[in-house]
Each structure stands twice: as C-alpha cells, then as structure tokens.
Amino acid sequence: MLKRSMLVPLVLVILSCAHAFAGSPIVARVNGAGITAWELDTAVDRMIPRSAFHGKVSEEKRSEFKETALQNLIDQELQYQDAIKRGLKPDKKQVKERMKQVRDRFPSKKEYRQALEQAGISEDELRAKMEKELLAQTAIEKAVTGPSQVSEQELKTYFTENKKKFRQPESARLRLISTKDEKKAQEVLGKVKAGEEFSSLASLFSEDMYRIKGGDIGYIHRGRIFPELEKAAFTLKPGETSGLIKSEGTWFIVKVEDRKPEHELTFDEAKEKLKKDLETKRAGEIKETWMTGLRANAKIEILSKEAGDGVKAQ
C-alpha cells in the first residue's frame, strides 16, 4: 500500500528519469487510458535497489521488475478510475504542499525548471501525476483502509477465543558487548569487573549495532540468539554479567537486566499488536477482492512491456 509520504520521493525519481515524457509510446491501456513507456521505465527505476543503480541489473531481473511495475501501474490506473467513479476529488491543499516539497528539494528554481525540462514534463503534467497518485491512494483508503478497521469488541472476542496464541515464553532482557578482538574483550571485561557502567562500556567498545543503545537488545526468548549466549541469558540472575563468551568468531560479554517467566498476555498487553495484525490481514483480503473486481470489469490491453515499443502516444 503506497503511503502518502512516499509521493515526493517518487516524484523526484520521475524528475531524474532520462526518458522523455512527451510523445512516449503507449505500452498498455486500461479502459482506454494509456500507460506510457516513460511511466513504465520510471516505475522500474524506482523499484531497482539503490545499490544497483551504478551497477548492473541482469536482463532477467529487469524483466521481472518490468512485469511487476506494469501490473502496479495498471492497478494504480484502476484505483484512480475507481476514485473518479466514487466522485473523489484531489485535495488541492495537499497537492500544493507536495509540489512545494518537490521544489524545495532543489537548490534553486532554475535547477527545478531544468529538471522538469530534462525529464520532458511540464509542471502541470507533474501536478497531474501527483493528483492521480493521491487520488489512487484516497481510493484505497475508502475501499480498503476504512472497511478493514477492527472494533474493540472484535478484538476482545478474538482474544478470548484464542488465548493460547497469547502465551509469552520465558524471556530475558540483555545487554551485550561484542568484539572480534580477544585482547580488547579481555580489557573491557576487566572494566566490567571493576564496576564500570556496562551500558557506557557497550557504547564505547562494542562493535555491533546495539552499541548506540548501550548494548540493550531488549527481551529475547530461547531459540532467538546463539546457543552460547542463550545459556548465559537463562543461567545468570538479573544484574549479573558473564565472562567472555566466544560464538561465531566474536567475543561477547552478556549482562542480564531482567527476566520474565512464561506468562499469558493480558488483553491490554496484546491489544496494540493484535489490532495491527488483524487489520493488516483484513486489509489484504479486502484489497484483493476489490482489485479482482476492478480487473474483472476492466478492459486491459497489454501492447508492449518494452520501453522502446508500443503505440505512439496521441
């Protein structure tokens, strides 16, 4: 589901696209509305991982991207047309704000205009594309997001009927200090034994991503960490620290901050995640039914999946 916050980055991809917008061949039609090769290329470009932009993407992979991108464009056109049928209108204020955000990404108006010219698209055409994407998103909100909301009573009923799903296994909250240097590990362990603050030492010396949180990895349960660390996690008492533990070529020092026994979550503890999970599942089902209906009642013509082919845009 496309988030509104994603629209500005997507438009910037459009402006950076090297293919000309004007006169681009038509590669597909949805109820007579054309999808251009330019739009397809732009959609493919924004799907390719950033790391691959300066490297190579195999023809097979690019073909897969095109297949997915074309289907996404067809779906977006169907959603846009559904929005029109519903009588939905673009939020002019929101469109204006989005356009300003795009302009503000450029150092000057001149460079913004140059980007438009290079992309072969006018400001009005850019605004129209943004309105279209916003309307498609609004259609999703009307058809999917609203109907997928789960009531408090539905949550309580599901929770009561599925209590076994809400049992939490024994868990331990840990802090870790990790390094591949044994000598460094010995020195840090000495500081731990001398009473220095574990979280401060983790921030200073640990070599993993949790250093920014003072080594705090949160609560874990059995089967989620290396066996050697798991043994320490469920043997030590809260407040205790381990000696050096070697696992997977790395030296660790573990501190147990807290431990929770196996227990059943209360409704209030489970509610937030349960609501999110049920609404996500329901939204997926509703969207699939909605899109299946839109596709079944639409005339969809695939003229070409290649950027250079297709029927010339009129």
Foldseek 3Di string as FASTA:
>chain_A
DDDLVCLLVLLVLLLVDQDAPPFFFFQKAWQRRTDGLSQLVSQLVVPDDPVCPPPDDDPVRSLVSLVVSVVVVNLLVLLLVVLVVVVHFFDVVSLVVSLVVNCVVDPDPVVVVVSCVSSNHDPVRSSVVSSSNRSSVVSLCVQFVVVLADDPVNLVVVCVVPQVVQKDAKKFKKFKAKDLDVVLLVVLLVVVVVPPDQLCSSLVHGDDPCSVVSRTPGIDDPPPDPPQVNVCRVPDAAQDKDRWDDDPSMTMIMHTNDIDHIDGDDSVRCVPVSRVVSSVVRSVVSVVVVSVVSVVPIDMGRRRSHRRDHHTDD
